[in-house]
């Protein structure tokens, strides 16, 4: 049974894959950074597994024509037909509350 990877291991693996994609596209780090509109340091950090922002990853993936990776990170949420039957219907509007205008309506 495989043990869960650490954040550092995931970062290193992703960095290696990003570097391989960049080299396959025949780009150096400077060119990728310029085309993605991010700093060279950001690319170096991404490829070395030292950490990068999600924005950096997305911009680099777009330049490398691999934005399809993002759909595997956040697949659409699907609800099974059984869950739909069991679920309560969504409220369409709030219940109207009686307004207190200071008038006594008790004995009219």
Protein backbone atom coordinates (compact mmCIF):
# COMPACT_ATOMS: atom_id res chain seq x y z
CA UNK A 1 0.00 0.00 0.00
CA UNK A 2 1.41 3.37 -1.04
CA UNK A 3 1.86 5.94 1.69
CA UNK A 4 0.61 9.46 1.15
CA UNK A 5 3.10 11.89 -0.36
CA UNK A 6 4.22 14.91 1.58
CA UNK A 7 3.66 18.42 0.28
CA UNK A 8 7.37 18.60 -0.52
CA UNK A 9 7.22 15.38 -2.53
CA UNK A 10 4.22 16.61 -4.51
CA UNK A 11 5.99 19.92 -5.15
CA UNK A 12 9.13 18.17 -6.37
CA UNK A 13 7.16 15.83 -8.65
CA UNK A 14 5.14 18.67 -10.11
CA UNK A 15 8.31 20.69 -10.61
CA UNK A 16 9.95 17.84 -12.51
CA UNK A 17 6.90 17.50 -14.75
CA UNK A 18 6.81 21.24 -15.40
CA UNK A 19 10.51 21.24 -16.30
CA UNK A 20 9.98 18.30 -18.68
CA UNK A 21 7.05 20.11 -20.34
CA UNK A 22 9.13 23.26 -20.74
CA UNK A 23 12.04 21.38 -22.29
CA UNK A 24 9.68 19.46 -24.60
CA UNK A 25 8.34 22.84 -25.75
CA UNK A 26 11.97 23.88 -26.38
CA UNK A 27 11.73 26.86 -24.03
CA UNK A 28 14.26 28.09 -21.53
CA UNK A 29 13.13 29.39 -18.14
CA UNK A 30 13.52 33.03 -19.18
CA UNK A 31 11.32 32.56 -22.26
CA UNK A 32 8.64 30.73 -20.30
CA UNK A 33 8.63 33.43 -17.63
CA UNK A 34 8.27 36.20 -20.23
CA UNK A 35 5.52 34.44 -22.17
CA UNK A 36 3.62 33.62 -18.98
CA UNK A 37 4.03 37.12 -17.55
CA UNK A 38 5.68 35.88 -14.36
CA UNK A 39 9.11 36.27 -12.83
CA UNK A 40 12.06 34.02 -13.55
CA UNK A 41 12.29 33.33 -9.81
CA UNK A 42 8.70 32.06 -9.84
CA UNK A 43 9.55 29.58 -12.63
CA UNK A 44 12.69 28.44 -10.81
CA UNK A 45 10.73 27.93 -7.58
CA UNK A 46 8.01 26.02 -9.42
CA UNK A 47 10.45 23.69 -11.15
CA UNK A 48 12.58 23.10 -8.07
CA UNK A 49 9.58 22.26 -5.90
CA UNK A 50 10.31 25.16 -3.53
CA UNK A 51 6.76 26.35 -3.86
CA UNK A 52 4.76 28.49 -6.21
CA UNK A 53 1.41 30.17 -6.27
CA UNK A 54 -1.56 28.67 -8.02
CA UNK A 55 -1.55 31.69 -10.32
CA UNK A 56 2.05 30.92 -11.36
CA UNK A 57 1.14 27.30 -12.08
CA UNK A 58 -1.90 28.27 -14.14
CA UNK A 59 -0.01 30.85 -16.20
CA UNK A 60 2.85 28.42 -16.91
CA UNK A 61 0.44 25.62 -17.84
CA UNK A 62 -1.37 27.88 -20.29
CA UNK A 63 1.87 28.78 -22.07
CA UNK A 64 2.86 25.11 -22.20
CA UNK A 65 -0.57 24.26 -23.63
CA UNK A 66 -1.43 22.02 -20.69
CA UNK A 67 -4.31 23.89 -19.06
CA UNK A 68 -6.17 20.57 -19.28
CA UNK A 69 -4.24 19.52 -16.16
CA UNK A 70 -6.36 21.97 -14.20
CA UNK A 71 -9.57 20.07 -14.89
CA UNK A 72 -8.11 17.02 -13.15
CA UNK A 73 -7.36 19.15 -10.09
CA UNK A 74 -10.94 20.37 -9.86
CA UNK A 75 -13.29 17.98 -11.66
CA UNK A 76 -16.93 18.99 -11.89
CA UNK A 77 -18.98 17.89 -8.92
CA UNK A 78 -21.62 15.38 -9.85
CA UNK A 79 -24.58 14.29 -7.78
CA UNK A 80 -25.95 10.80 -8.10
CA UNK A 81 -29.64 10.36 -8.89
CA UNK A 82 -30.16 8.77 -5.46
CA UNK A 83 -28.65 11.78 -3.74
CA UNK A 84 -30.95 14.05 -5.73
CA UNK A 85 -34.01 12.10 -4.58
CA UNK A 86 -32.91 12.19 -0.95
CA UNK A 87 -32.01 15.88 -1.00
CA UNK A 88 -34.49 18.46 0.20
CA UNK A 89 -35.62 20.89 -2.45
CA UNK A 90 -33.65 24.12 -2.43
CA UNK A 91 -35.44 27.09 -0.94
CA UNK A 92 -36.59 29.57 -3.52
CA UNK A 93 -37.28 32.50 -1.20
CA UNK A 94 -37.24 33.50 2.43
CA UNK A 95 -40.36 33.22 4.57
CA UNK A 96 -42.17 36.49 5.05
CA UNK A 97 -42.26 37.66 8.64
CA UNK A 98 -45.10 39.76 10.01
CA UNK A 99 -44.09 43.37 10.50
CA UNK A 100 -44.57 45.01 13.87
CA UNK A 101 -45.82 48.52 13.15
CA UNK A 102 -46.74 49.25 16.77
CA UNK A 103 -50.47 48.80 16.29
CA UNK A 104 -52.29 46.34 18.49
CA UNK A 105 -54.28 43.92 16.37
CA UNK A 106 -55.45 41.76 19.25
CA UNK A 107 -59.02 42.93 19.90
CA UNK A 108 -60.43 44.32 16.68
